[in-house]
């Protein structure tokens, strides 16, 4: 079976590469839909591939790649054309969609965002959701038939990184002292609620060190974060892209990983931290993010103030342990995910 993954976003996240490698053991050959063609990009790219060889199924991961906001006066056209483009592209090739997001990050305000997400999901022969609550929300939001949605865990991203290193060595490499350290990692973007976290550190005069590590999405937002962190002695900004080795080092060094999303549907970063065995602080308001609860390694908080303080104390009382997360990693291993994905492909081809 030959499957096309679209878009090719392997440079940004390892999810597609890891899934493709695991699918090979089940007789599924995965290629990636690269490049971008004007007017009807999906239709034209898929036609090129079908002329070059057999394509049994198109697996769409992030539909928003085919209506990008370029701010050139034609964004409305790219958004408006997407349902037609997708329908023409999949006239003779069945479609699978992984619902990584309910609505693309930063784009919920766009007039076509909801319609385009619904168009992809309703066109799909099979939809993959990363949790039962995610499946329920997809059904409620887009009026989808439950039988078309299969629940698969996100997958273990820790296998894409170098192995953990001894805690003392990691802390020395990261320049950390002996005290407790909370980490926020990944691209520094507005939807991650970093400004509210900095306000919390300022108001409570926290005695816990906070590290924010990752490249800022824009120079303007980097300036915003630097201004918000100014004068906070317990806050360290490392606003540069992390290599895999650097990320593994930070995860090996810190005591807690904090997430404060303003909106989220699935979190690969939280899944990675869970796989690494680092205690996680995560908002209660996002039940669609499956972190293998109940677990002492996952501490949810309702809001800042006392709920957050209590959750932080519980997280700090749980020692980080890569070994302790072995059962979680086994439950989200790529071998099992690939087997269930290949079965779903064959059911619709």
C-alpha atoms as a PDB file:
ATOM      1  CA  UNK A   1       0.000   0.000   0.000  1.00  0.00           C
ATOM      2  CA  UNK A   2       1.260   3.464  -0.908  1.00  0.00           C
ATOM      3  CA  UNK A   3       0.222   6.391   1.293  1.00  0.00           C
ATOM      4  CA  UNK A   4       0.976  10.077   0.934  1.00  0.00           C
ATOM      5  CA  UNK A   5       1.453  12.146   4.089  1.00  0.00           C
ATOM      6  CA  UNK A   6       0.579  15.823   3.688  1.00  0.00           C
ATOM      7  CA  UNK A   7       2.023  18.300   4.335  1.00  0.00           C
ATOM      8  CA  UNK A   8       5.669  17.330   4.794  1.00  0.00           C
ATOM      9  CA  UNK A   9       6.361  18.930   8.165  1.00  0.00           C
ATOM     10  CA  UNK A  10       9.102  16.555   9.322  1.00  0.00           C
ATOM     11  CA  UNK A  11      11.484  19.458   9.897  1.00  0.00           C
ATOM     12  CA  UNK A  12       9.222  20.861  12.594  1.00  0.00           C
ATOM     13  CA  UNK A  13       8.119  17.770  14.526  1.00  0.00           C
ATOM     14  CA  UNK A  14       9.204  14.096  14.400  1.00  0.00           C
ATOM     15  CA  UNK A  15       5.638  12.722  14.501  1.00  0.00           C
ATOM     16  CA  UNK A  16       5.271  11.983  10.781  1.00  0.00           C
ATOM     17  CA  UNK A  17       8.728  10.433  10.441  1.00  0.00           C
ATOM     18  CA  UNK A  18       8.241   8.107  13.412  1.00  0.00           C
ATOM     19  CA  UNK A  19       4.816   6.994  12.216  1.00  0.00           C
ATOM     20  CA  UNK A  20       6.049   6.430   8.656  1.00  0.00           C
ATOM     21  CA  UNK A  21       8.979   4.319   9.846  1.00  0.00           C
ATOM     22  CA  UNK A  22       6.692   2.162  11.989  1.00  0.00           C
ATOM     23  CA  UNK A  23       4.161   1.748   9.166  1.00  0.00           C
ATOM     24  CA  UNK A  24       6.840   0.238   6.923  1.00  0.00           C
ATOM     25  CA  UNK A  25       6.749  -2.923   9.061  1.00  0.00           C
ATOM     26  CA  UNK A  26       3.073  -3.314   8.098  1.00  0.00           C
ATOM     27  CA  UNK A  27       3.585  -3.105   4.363  1.00  0.00           C
ATOM     28  CA  UNK A  28       2.711   0.580   4.119  1.00  0.00           C
ATOM     29  CA  UNK A  29       5.059   2.678   2.007  1.00  0.00           C
ATOM     30  CA  UNK A  30       4.821   6.337   3.004  1.00  0.00           C
ATOM     31  CA  UNK A  31       5.887   9.247   0.847  1.00  0.00           C
ATOM     32  CA  UNK A  32       5.506  12.935   1.626  1.00  0.00           C
ATOM     33  CA  UNK A  33       3.668  15.581  -0.351  1.00  0.00           C
ATOM     34  CA  UNK A  34       6.265  18.288  -0.689  1.00  0.00           C
ATOM     35  CA  UNK A  35       6.294  21.659  -2.402  1.00  0.00           C
ATOM     36  CA  UNK A  36       3.329  23.901  -3.076  1.00  0.00           C
ATOM     37  CA  UNK A  37       1.440  24.502  -6.330  1.00  0.00           C
ATOM     38  CA  UNK A  38      -0.622  27.615  -6.996  1.00  0.00           C
ATOM     39  CA  UNK A  39      -4.386  27.829  -7.605  1.00  0.00           C
ATOM     40  CA  UNK A  40      -5.349  24.267  -6.508  1.00  0.00           C
ATOM     41  CA  UNK A  41      -2.276  22.971  -4.650  1.00  0.00           C
ATOM     42  CA  UNK A  42      -3.607  19.658  -3.362  1.00  0.00           C
ATOM     43  CA  UNK A  43      -5.321  18.749  -6.629  1.00  0.00           C
ATOM     44  CA  UNK A  44      -2.281  19.532  -8.751  1.00  0.00           C
ATOM     45  CA  UNK A  45       0.254  17.909  -6.431  1.00  0.00           C
ATOM     46  CA  UNK A  46      -1.797  14.744  -6.074  1.00  0.00           C
ATOM     47  CA  UNK A  47      -2.345  14.565  -9.838  1.00  0.00           C
ATOM     48  CA  UNK A  48       1.423  14.754 -10.339  1.00  0.00           C
ATOM     49  CA  UNK A  49       1.941  11.893  -7.884  1.00  0.00           C
ATOM     50  CA  UNK A  50      -0.764   9.730  -9.430  1.00  0.00           C
ATOM     51  CA  UNK A  51       0.799  10.174 -12.859  1.00  0.00           C
ATOM     52  CA  UNK A  52       4.189   9.198 -11.425  1.00  0.00           C
ATOM     53  CA  UNK A  53       2.898   6.062  -9.686  1.00  0.00           C
ATOM     54  CA  UNK A  54       0.181   4.469  -7.613  1.00  0.00           C
ATOM     55  CA  UNK A  55      -1.308   6.376  -4.674  1.00  0.00           C
ATOM     56  CA  UNK A  56      -3.702   4.363  -2.507  1.00  0.00           C
ATOM     57  CA  UNK A  57      -4.548   6.945   0.165  1.00  0.00           C
ATOM     58  CA  UNK A  58      -3.893  10.557   1.148  1.00  0.00           C
ATOM     59  CA  UNK A  59      -3.300  11.110   4.871  1.00  0.00           C
ATOM     60  CA  UNK A  60      -3.757  14.768   5.753  1.00  0.00           C
ATOM     61  CA  UNK A  61      -2.171  15.878   9.025  1.00  0.00           C
ATOM     62  CA  UNK A  62      -2.343  19.676   9.056  1.00  0.00           C
ATOM     63  CA  UNK A  63      -4.871  20.968   6.479  1.00  0.00           C
ATOM     64  CA  UNK A  64      -3.970  24.594   7.178  1.00  0.00           C
ATOM     65  CA  UNK A  65      -0.761  24.129   5.178  1.00  0.00           C
ATOM     66  CA  UNK A  66      -2.898  24.423   2.041  1.00  0.00           C
ATOM     67  CA  UNK A  67      -4.436  27.785   2.902  1.00  0.00           C
ATOM     68  CA  UNK A  68      -1.420  29.595   4.410  1.00  0.00           C
ATOM     69  CA  UNK A  69      -1.742  33.193   5.627  1.00  0.00           C
ATOM     70  CA  UNK A  70       0.759  35.047   3.459  1.00  0.00           C
ATOM     71  CA  UNK A  71      -0.793  38.512   3.968  1.00  0.00           C
ATOM     72  CA  UNK A  72      -0.470  39.306   0.283  1.00  0.00           C
ATOM     73  CA  UNK A  73      -4.114  40.194  -0.343  1.00  0.00           C
ATOM     74  CA  UNK A  74      -5.006  36.666  -1.491  1.00  0.00           C
ATOM     75  CA  UNK A  75      -5.465  34.964   1.872  1.00  0.00           C
ATOM     76  CA  UNK A  76      -9.250  35.052   1.461  1.00  0.00           C
ATOM     77  CA  UNK A  77      -8.948  33.162  -1.828  1.00  0.00           C
ATOM     78  CA  UNK A  78      -6.637  30.489  -0.420  1.00  0.00           C
ATOM     79  CA  UNK A  79      -9.048  29.907   2.477  1.00  0.00           C
ATOM     80  CA  UNK A  80     -12.164  29.979   0.292  1.00  0.00           C
ATOM     81  CA  UNK A  81     -10.840  27.488  -2.279  1.00  0.00           C
ATOM     82  CA  UNK A  82      -9.766  24.777   0.191  1.00  0.00           C
ATOM     83  CA  UNK A  83     -12.951  22.617   0.283  1.00  0.00           C
ATOM     84  CA  UNK A  84     -13.100  22.516  -3.527  1.00  0.00           C
ATOM     85  CA  UNK A  85      -9.382  21.797  -3.806  1.00  0.00           C
ATOM     86  CA  UNK A  86      -9.659  18.927  -1.304  1.00  0.00           C
ATOM     87  CA  UNK A  87     -12.755  17.489  -2.986  1.00  0.00           C
ATOM     88  CA  UNK A  88     -11.098  17.490  -6.414  1.00  0.00           C
ATOM     89  CA  UNK A  89      -7.858  16.038  -5.043  1.00  0.00           C
ATOM     90  CA  UNK A  90      -9.642  13.105  -3.377  1.00  0.00           C
ATOM     91  CA  UNK A  91     -12.129  12.169  -6.102  1.00  0.00           C
ATOM     92  CA  UNK A  92     -10.293   8.908  -6.769  1.00  0.00           C
ATOM     93  CA  UNK A  93      -8.102   8.627  -3.675  1.00  0.00           C
ATOM     94  CA  UNK A  94      -9.579   8.029  -0.199  1.00  0.00           C
ATOM     95  CA  UNK A  95      -8.699  10.512   2.529  1.00  0.00           C
ATOM     96  CA  UNK A  96      -7.561   9.972   6.122  1.00  0.00           C
ATOM     97  CA  UNK A  97      -7.199  12.908   8.527  1.00  0.00           C
ATOM     98  CA  UNK A  98      -5.427  13.095  11.873  1.00  0.00           C
ATOM     99  CA  UNK A  99      -7.114  15.710  14.052  1.00  0.00           C
ATOM    100  CA  UNK A 100      -4.010  17.133  15.703  1.00  0.00           C
ATOM    101  CA  UNK A 101      -5.955  20.362  16.239  1.00  0.00           C
ATOM    102  CA  UNK A 102      -9.606  21.292  16.452  1.00  0.00           C
ATOM    103  CA  UNK A 103      -8.772  24.610  14.771  1.00  0.00           C
ATOM    104  CA  UNK A 104      -5.294  25.565  13.560  1.00  0.00           C
ATOM    105  CA  UNK A 105      -3.239  27.526  16.088  1.00  0.00           C
ATOM    106  CA  UNK A 106      -3.663  31.310  15.824  1.00  0.00           C
ATOM    107  CA  UNK A 107      -6.357  30.977  13.145  1.00  0.00           C
ATOM    108  CA  UNK A 108      -9.630  30.530  15.019  1.00  0.00           C
ATOM    109  CA  UNK A 109     -10.504  34.159  14.251  1.00  0.00           C
ATOM    110  CA  UNK A 110     -10.413  33.614  10.480  1.00  0.00           C
ATOM    111  CA  UNK A 111     -13.832  33.509   8.803  1.00  0.00           C
ATOM    112  CA  UNK A 112     -13.110  30.211   6.993  1.00  0.00           C
ATOM    113  CA  UNK A 113     -11.243  28.409   9.802  1.00  0.00           C
ATOM    114  CA  UNK A 114     -14.168  26.408  11.169  1.00  0.00           C
ATOM    115  CA  UNK A 115     -15.521  25.633   7.699  1.00  0.00           C
ATOM    116  CA  UNK A 116     -12.180  24.395   6.400  1.00  0.00           C
ATOM    117  CA  UNK A 117     -11.573  22.161   9.418  1.00  0.00           C
ATOM    118  CA  UNK A 118     -15.056  20.700   8.997  1.00  0.00           C
ATOM    119  CA  UNK A 119     -14.547  20.209   5.247  1.00  0.00           C
ATOM    120  CA  UNK A 120     -11.458  18.057   5.808  1.00  0.00           C
ATOM    121  CA  UNK A 121     -13.044  16.001   8.570  1.00  0.00           C
ATOM    122  CA  UNK A 122     -16.300  15.380   6.694  1.00  0.00           C
ATOM    123  CA  UNK A 123     -14.445  14.428   3.523  1.00  0.00           C
ATOM    124  CA  UNK A 124     -12.286  11.872   5.358  1.00  0.00           C
ATOM    125  CA  UNK A 125     -13.098   8.172   5.217  1.00  0.00           C
ATOM    126  CA  UNK A 126     -11.328   7.730   8.558  1.00  0.00           C
ATOM    127  CA  UNK A 127     -10.347  10.254  11.245  1.00  0.00           C
ATOM    128  CA  UNK A 128      -7.723   9.695  13.917  1.00  0.00           C
ATOM    129  CA  UNK A 129      -8.203  11.414  17.304  1.00  0.00           C
ATOM    130  CA  UNK A 130      -5.653  11.301  20.102  1.00  0.00           C
ATOM    131  CA  UNK A 131      -8.044  10.707  23.020  1.00  0.00           C
ATOM    132  CA  UNK A 132     -11.650   9.771  23.801  1.00  0.00           C
ATOM    133  CA  UNK A 133     -12.439  13.346  24.935  1.00  0.00           C
ATOM    134  CA  UNK A 134     -10.950  14.598  21.645  1.00  0.00           C
ATOM    135  CA  UNK A 135     -13.218  12.219  19.737  1.00  0.00           C
ATOM    136  CA  UNK A 136     -16.254  13.441  21.684  1.00  0.00           C
ATOM    137  CA  UNK A 137     -15.374  17.081  20.978  1.00  0.00           C
ATOM    138  CA  UNK A 138     -14.901  16.393  17.269  1.00  0.00           C
ATOM    139  CA  UNK A 139     -18.331  14.758  17.110  1.00  0.00           C
ATOM    140  CA  UNK A 140     -19.991  17.612  19.003  1.00  0.00           C
ATOM    141  CA  UNK A 141     -18.259  20.384  17.051  1.00  0.00           C
ATOM    142  CA  UNK A 142     -18.482  19.006  13.529  1.00  0.00           C
ATOM    143  CA  UNK A 143     -21.458  16.599  13.701  1.00  0.00           C
ATOM    144  CA  UNK A 144     -19.349  13.600  12.669  1.00  0.00           C
ATOM    145  CA  UNK A 145     -20.377   9.947  12.697  1.00  0.00           C
ATOM    146  CA  UNK A 146     -18.620   8.274  15.667  1.00  0.00           C
ATOM    147  CA  UNK A 147     -17.842   5.139  13.626  1.00  0.00           C
ATOM    148  CA  UNK A 148     -15.509   7.143  11.360  1.00  0.00           C
ATOM    149  CA  UNK A 149     -13.263   8.234  14.241  1.00  0.00           C
ATOM    150  CA  UNK A 150     -10.551   5.976  15.639  1.00  0.00           C
ATOM    151  CA  UNK A 151      -8.734   6.862  18.837  1.00  0.00           C
ATOM    152  CA  UNK A 152      -4.961   6.469  18.731  1.00  0.00           C
ATOM    153  CA  UNK A 153      -2.498   7.901  21.276  1.00  0.00           C
ATOM    154  CA  UNK A 154      -0.204  10.660  20.142  1.00  0.00           C
ATOM    155  CA  UNK A 155       2.936   8.503  20.052  1.00  0.00           C
ATOM    156  CA  UNK A 156       6.199   8.477  21.989  1.00  0.00           C
ATOM    157  CA  UNK A 157       8.386  11.385  20.888  1.00  0.00           C
ATOM    158  CA  UNK A 158      11.146  10.560  23.370  1.00  0.00           C
ATOM    159  CA  UNK A 159      12.555   8.023  20.908  1.00  0.00           C
ATOM    160  CA  UNK A 160      13.474  10.918  18.590  1.00  0.00           C
ATOM    161  CA  UNK A 161      15.828  12.438  21.191  1.00  0.00           C
ATOM    162  CA  UNK A 162      19.170  11.319  22.590  1.00  0.00           C
ATOM    163  CA  UNK A 163      18.790   9.249  25.782  1.00  0.00           C
ATOM    164  CA  UNK A 164      18.518  10.944  29.187  1.00  0.00           C
ATOM    165  CA  UNK A 165      21.731  11.930  30.895  1.00  0.00           C
ATOM    166  CA  UNK A 166      22.489  11.819  34.644  1.00  0.00           C
ATOM    167  CA  UNK A 167      20.685  14.596  36.476  1.00  0.00           C
ATOM    168  CA  UNK A 168      23.816  16.134  38.019  1.00  0.00           C
ATOM    169  CA  UNK A 169      25.558  16.267  34.638  1.00  0.00           C
ATOM    170  CA  UNK A 170      22.492  17.765  32.988  1.00  0.00           C
ATOM    171  CA  UNK A 171      22.138  20.491  35.600  1.00  0.00           C
ATOM    172  CA  UNK A 172      25.805  21.379  35.270  1.00  0.00           C
ATOM    173  CA  UNK A 173      25.541  21.620  31.466  1.00  0.00           C
ATOM    174  CA  UNK A 174      22.425  23.799  31.727  1.00  0.00           C
ATOM    175  CA  UNK A 175      24.026  26.044  34.342  1.00  0.00           C
ATOM    176  CA  UNK A 176      21.447  25.251  37.012  1.00  0.00           C
ATOM    177  CA  UNK A 177      21.929  25.431  40.759  1.00  0.00           C
ATOM    178  CA  UNK A 178      20.683  23.014  43.375  1.00  0.00           C
ATOM    179  CA  UNK A 179      17.190  24.481  43.809  1.00  0.00           C
ATOM    180  CA  UNK A 180      13.958  23.371  42.111  1.00  0.00           C
ATOM    181  CA  UNK A 181      13.500  24.362  38.468  1.00  0.00           C
ATOM    182  CA  UNK A 182      10.335  24.598  36.366  1.00  0.00           C
ATOM    183  CA  UNK A 183      10.719  24.497  32.579  1.00  0.00           C
ATOM    184  CA  UNK A 184       8.555  25.788  29.736  1.00  0.00           C
ATOM    185  CA  UNK A 185       9.980  24.586  26.412  1.00  0.00           C
ATOM    186  CA  UNK A 186       9.179  24.791  22.716  1.00  0.00           C
ATOM    187  CA  UNK A 187       8.514  27.652  20.344  1.00  0.00           C
ATOM    188  CA  UNK A 188       7.625  30.757  22.342  1.00  0.00           C
ATOM    189  CA  UNK A 189       4.177  31.762  21.047  1.00  0.00           C
ATOM    190  CA  UNK A 190       1.222  33.757  22.379  1.00  0.00           C
ATOM    191  CA  UNK A 191      -1.176  30.780  22.627  1.00  0.00           C
ATOM    192  CA  UNK A 192       1.072  29.139  25.237  1.00  0.00           C
ATOM    193  CA  UNK A 193       0.156  31.624  27.972  1.00  0.00           C
ATOM    194  CA  UNK A 194       3.728  32.490  28.924  1.00  0.00           C
ATOM    195  CA  UNK A 195       2.884  36.063  29.868  1.00  0.00           C
ATOM    196  CA  UNK A 196       0.379  34.866  32.487  1.00  0.00           C
ATOM    197  CA  UNK A 197       3.037  32.563  33.951  1.00  0.00           C
ATOM    198  CA  UNK A 198       5.480  35.471  34.247  1.00  0.00           C
ATOM    199  CA  UNK A 199       2.780  37.526  35.957  1.00  0.00           C
ATOM    200  CA  UNK A 200       2.275  34.657  38.430  1.00  0.00           C
ATOM    201  CA  UNK A 201       6.007  34.560  39.197  1.00  0.00           C
ATOM    202  CA  UNK A 202       6.075  38.319  39.685  1.00  0.00           C
ATOM    203  CA  UNK A 203       3.000  38.490  41.926  1.00  0.00           C
ATOM    204  CA  UNK A 204       3.917  35.550  44.165  1.00  0.00           C
ATOM    205  CA  UNK A 205       7.650  36.284  44.260  1.00  0.00           C
ATOM    206  CA  UNK A 206       8.180  32.586  43.726  1.00  0.00           C
ATOM    207  CA  UNK A 207      11.275  30.962  45.207  1.00  0.00           C
ATOM    208  CA  UNK A 208      11.232  28.379  42.400  1.00  0.00           C
ATOM    209  CA  UNK A 209      13.351  29.034  39.322  1.00  0.00           C
ATOM    210  CA  UNK A 210      11.533  29.248  35.978  1.00  0.00           C
ATOM    211  CA  UNK A 211      13.297  28.613  32.664  1.00  0.00           C
ATOM    212  CA  UNK A 212      11.678  29.490  29.329  1.00  0.00           C
ATOM    213  CA  UNK A 213      13.588  27.725  26.554  1.00  0.00           C
ATOM    214  CA  UNK A 214      12.793  27.959  22.864  1.00  0.00           C
ATOM    215  CA  UNK A 215      12.894  30.277  19.896  1.00  0.00           C
ATOM    216  CA  UNK A 216      10.338  33.089  19.851  1.00  0.00           C
ATOM    217  CA  UNK A 217       7.824  32.956  17.008  1.00  0.00           C
ATOM    218  CA  UNK A 218       8.551  36.581  16.050  1.00  0.00           C
ATOM    219  CA  UNK A 219      11.013  39.281  17.111  1.00  0.00           C
ATOM    220  CA  UNK A 220       8.083  41.354  18.366  1.00  0.00           C
ATOM    221  CA  UNK A 221       6.882  38.577  20.644  1.00  0.00           C
ATOM    222  CA  UNK A 222      10.414  37.978  21.906  1.00  0.00           C
ATOM    223  CA  UNK A 223      10.490  41.644  22.942  1.00  0.00           C
ATOM    224  CA  UNK A 224       7.143  41.181  24.708  1.00  0.00           C
ATOM    225  CA  UNK A 225       8.435  38.210  26.707  1.00  0.00           C
ATOM    226  CA  UNK A 226      11.698  39.939  27.592  1.00  0.00           C
ATOM    227  CA  UNK A 227       9.763  42.941  28.874  1.00  0.00           C
ATOM    228  CA  UNK A 228       7.428  40.710  30.914  1.00  0.00           C
ATOM    229  CA  UNK A 229      10.402  38.902  32.490  1.00  0.00           C
ATOM    230  CA  UNK A 230      12.424  42.035  33.238  1.00  0.00           C
ATOM    231  CA  UNK A 231      13.450  42.301  36.886  1.00  0.00           C
ATOM    232  CA  UNK A 232      12.488  38.724  37.780  1.00  0.00           C
ATOM    233  CA  UNK A 233      15.610  37.152  39.355  1.00  0.00           C
ATOM    234  CA  UNK A 234      14.093  33.658  39.359  1.00  0.00           C
ATOM    235  CA  UNK A 235      13.339  33.659  35.631  1.00  0.00           C
ATOM    236  CA  UNK A 236      15.856  32.645  32.949  1.00  0.00           C
ATOM    237  CA  UNK A 237      15.136  33.164  29.255  1.00  0.00           C
ATOM    238  CA  UNK A 238      16.858  30.952  26.719  1.00  0.00           C
ATOM    239  CA  UNK A 239      15.151  32.266  23.588  1.00  0.00           C
ATOM    240  CA  UNK A 240      16.861  30.210  20.918  1.00  0.00           C
ATOM    241  CA  UNK A 241      15.881  27.087  19.052  1.00  0.00           C
ATOM    242  CA  UNK A 242      16.771  23.966  21.010  1.00  0.00           C
ATOM    243  CA  UNK A 243      18.622  21.139  19.335  1.00  0.00           C
ATOM    244  CA  UNK A 244      17.513  17.611  20.180  1.00  0.00           C
ATOM    245  CA  UNK A 245      20.547  17.227  22.430  1.00  0.00           C
ATOM    246  CA  UNK A 246      19.812  20.497  24.240  1.00  0.00           C
ATOM    247  CA  UNK A 247      16.172  19.555  24.772  1.00  0.00           C
ATOM    248  CA  UNK A 248      17.179  16.147  26.157  1.00  0.00           C
ATOM    249  CA  UNK A 249      19.572  17.916  28.507  1.00  0.00           C
ATOM    250  CA  UNK A 250      16.930  20.322  29.805  1.00  0.00           C
ATOM    251  CA  UNK A 251      14.408  17.534  30.333  1.00  0.00           C
ATOM    252  CA  UNK A 252      17.052  15.557  32.227  1.00  0.00           C
ATOM    253  CA  UNK A 253      17.892  18.545  34.436  1.00  0.00           C
ATOM    254  CA  UNK A 254      14.618  20.102  35.585  1.00  0.00           C
ATOM    255  CA  UNK A 255      12.091  19.151  38.260  1.00  0.00           C
ATOM    256  CA  UNK A 256       8.806  20.089  36.568  1.00  0.00           C
ATOM    257  CA  UNK A 257       7.576  20.999  33.093  1.00  0.00           C
ATOM    258  CA  UNK A 258       4.822  23.625  32.967  1.00  0.00           C
ATOM    259  CA  UNK A 259       2.182  24.172  30.287  1.00  0.00           C
ATOM    260  CA  UNK A 260      -0.316  27.037  30.335  1.00  0.00           C
ATOM    261  CA  UNK A 261      -1.991  26.914  26.934  1.00  0.00           C
ATOM    262  CA  UNK A 262      -4.728  29.407  26.198  1.00  0.00           C
ATOM    263  CA  UNK A 263      -6.135  26.907  23.705  1.00  0.00           C
ATOM    264  CA  UNK A 264      -4.996  23.389  22.788  1.00  0.00           C
ATOM    265  CA  UNK A 265      -6.412  20.120  21.471  1.00  0.00           C
ATOM    266  CA  UNK A 266      -3.350  17.850  21.449  1.00  0.00           C
ATOM    267  CA  UNK A 267       0.078  18.531  22.933  1.00  0.00           C
ATOM    268  CA  UNK A 268       3.067  16.659  21.593  1.00  0.00           C
ATOM    269  CA  UNK A 269       5.277  18.604  24.000  1.00  0.00           C
ATOM    270  CA  UNK A 270       3.272  17.462  27.028  1.00  0.00           C
ATOM    271  CA  UNK A 271       3.316  13.885  25.748  1.00  0.00           C
ATOM    272  CA  UNK A 272       7.104  14.118  25.391  1.00  0.00           C
ATOM    273  CA  UNK A 273       7.547  15.445  28.942  1.00  0.00           C
ATOM    274  CA  UNK A 274       5.320  12.623  30.205  1.00  0.00           C
ATOM    275  CA  UNK A 275       7.461  10.081  28.335  1.00  0.00           C
ATOM    276  CA  UNK A 276      10.589  11.591  29.888  1.00  0.00           C
ATOM    277  CA  UNK A 277       9.192  11.065  33.376  1.00  0.00           C
ATOM    278  CA  UNK A 278       9.294  14.741  34.359  1.00  0.00           C
ATOM    279  CA  UNK A 279       6.274  15.809  36.484  1.00  0.00           C
ATOM    280  CA  UNK A 280       3.888  17.971  34.492  1.00  0.00           C
ATOM    281  CA  UNK A 281       1.782  20.986  35.444  1.00  0.00           C
ATOM    282  CA  UNK A 282      -1.150  21.209  33.030  1.00  0.00           C
ATOM    283  CA  UNK A 283      -4.438  23.174  32.933  1.00  0.00           C
ATOM    284  CA  UNK A 284      -7.618  21.296  33.884  1.00  0.00           C
ATOM    285  CA  UNK A 285      -9.542  22.979  31.069  1.00  0.00           C
ATOM    286  CA  UNK A 286      -8.068  20.760  28.335  1.00  0.00           C
ATOM    287  CA  UNK A 287      -9.298  17.194  28.904  1.00  0.00           C
ATOM    288  CA  UNK A 288      -8.621  16.329  25.245  1.00  0.00           C
ATOM    289  CA  UNK A 289      -4.887  16.078  26.058  1.00  0.00           C
ATOM    290  CA  UNK A 290      -4.312  12.494  27.199  1.00  0.00           C
ATOM    291  CA  UNK A 291      -1.470  12.197  29.714  1.00  0.00           C
ATOM    292  CA  UNK A 292      -2.238   8.794  31.209  1.00  0.00           C
ATOM    293  CA  UNK A 293      -4.036   9.981  34.311  1.00  0.00           C
ATOM    294  CA  UNK A 294      -4.437   9.483  37.177  1.00  0.00           C
ATOM    295  CA  UNK A 295      -0.719   9.700  37.775  1.00  0.00           C
ATOM    296  CA  UNK A 296       1.408  11.508  40.375  1.00  0.00           C
ATOM    297  CA  UNK A 297       3.463  12.729  37.419  1.00  0.00           C
ATOM    298  CA  UNK A 298       0.537  14.810  36.099  1.00  0.00           C
ATOM    299  CA  UNK A 299      -0.752  17.696  38.236  1.00  0.00           C
ATOM    300  CA  UNK A 300      -3.646  19.683  36.788  1.00  0.00           C
ATOM    301  CA  UNK A 301      -4.558  23.170  38.002  1.00  0.00           C
ATOM    302  CA  UNK A 302      -7.812  25.079  37.560  1.00  0.00           C
ATOM    303  CA  UNK A 303      -6.276  28.552  37.554  1.00  0.00           C
ATOM    304  CA  UNK A 304      -3.457  30.602  39.013  1.00  0.00           C
ATOM    305  CA  UNK A 305      -3.469  31.441  42.694  1.00  0.00           C
ATOM    306  CA  UNK A 306      -3.971  28.732  45.293  1.00  0.00           C
ATOM    307  CA  UNK A 307      -4.885  25.917  42.824  1.00  0.00           C
ATOM    308  CA  UNK A 308      -1.639  26.483  40.922  1.00  0.00           C
ATOM    309  CA  UNK A 309       0.443  26.744  44.104  1.00  0.00           C
ATOM    310  CA  UNK A 310      -0.922  23.438  45.403  1.00  0.00           C
ATOM    311  CA  UNK A 311      -0.409  21.718  42.055  1.00  0.00           C
ATOM    312  CA  UNK A 312       3.182  23.013  41.880  1.00  0.00           C
ATOM    313  CA  UNK A 313       3.885  21.660  45.366  1.00  0.00           C
ATOM    314  CA  UNK A 314       2.527  18.225  44.366  1.00  0.00           C
ATOM    315  CA  UNK A 315       4.626  18.215  41.216  1.00  0.00           C
ATOM    316  CA  UNK A 316       7.793  19.201  43.069  1.00  0.00           C
ATOM    317  CA  UNK A 317       7.154  16.398  45.573  1.00  0.00           C
ATOM    318  CA  UNK A 318       7.306  13.823  42.750  1.00  0.00           C
ATOM    319  CA  UNK A 319      10.894  13.026  41.719  1.00  0.00           C
ATOM    320  CA  UNK A 320      11.581  13.010  37.958  1.00  0.00           C
ATOM    321  CA  UNK A 321      12.188   9.468  36.738  1.00  0.00           C
ATOM    322  CA  UNK A 322      12.588   8.288  33.161  1.00  0.00           C
ATOM    323  CA  UNK A 323      12.318   4.683  34.359  1.00  0.00           C
ATOM    324  CA  UNK A 324       9.015   5.369  36.117  1.00  0.00           C
ATOM    325  CA  UNK A 325       7.453   6.423  32.792  1.00  0.00           C
ATOM    326  CA  UNK A 326       8.199   3.072  31.118  1.00  0.00           C
ATOM    327  CA  UNK A 327       4.571   1.912  31.235  1.00  0.00           C
ATOM    328  CA  UNK A 328       3.394   5.162  29.657  1.00  0.00           C
ATOM    329  CA  UNK A 329       5.958   4.884  26.868  1.00  0.00           C
ATOM    330  CA  UNK A 330       4.898   1.295  26.216  1.00  0.00           C
ATOM    331  CA  UNK A 331       1.247   2.335  25.984  1.00  0.00           C
ATOM    332  CA  UNK A 332       2.000   4.922  23.287  1.00  0.00           C
ATOM    333  CA  UNK A 333       4.641   3.000  21.365  1.00  0.00           C
ATOM    334  CA  UNK A 334       4.778   3.430  17.599  1.00  0.00           C
ATOM    335  CA  UNK A 335       4.579  -0.287  16.863  1.00  0.00           C
ATOM    336  CA  UNK A 336       1.038  -0.537  18.235  1.00  0.00           C
ATOM    337  CA  UNK A 337      -0.032   2.781  16.729  1.00  0.00           C
ATOM    338  CA  UNK A 338       1.246   1.741  13.300  1.00  0.00           C
ATOM    339  CA  UNK A 339      -0.584  -1.596  13.446  1.00  0.00           C
ATOM    340  CA  UNK A 340      -3.897   0.107  14.193  1.00  0.00           C
ATOM    341  CA  UNK A 341      -3.261   2.822  11.603  1.00  0.00           C
ATOM    342  CA  UNK A 342      -2.495   0.260   8.879  1.00  0.00           C
ATOM    343  CA  UNK A 343      -5.664  -1.642   9.771  1.00  0.00           C
ATOM    344  CA  UNK A 344      -7.695   1.566   9.387  1.00  0.00           C
ATOM    345  CA  UNK A 345      -6.065   2.294   6.028  1.00  0.00           C
ATOM    346  CA  UNK A 346      -6.954  -1.135   4.686  1.00  0.00           C
ATOM    347  CA  UNK A 347     -10.523  -0.795   5.879  1.00  0.00           C
ATOM    348  CA  UNK A 348     -11.100   2.244   3.635  1.00  0.00           C
ATOM    349  CA  UNK A 349      -8.917   1.525   0.600  1.00  0.00           C
END
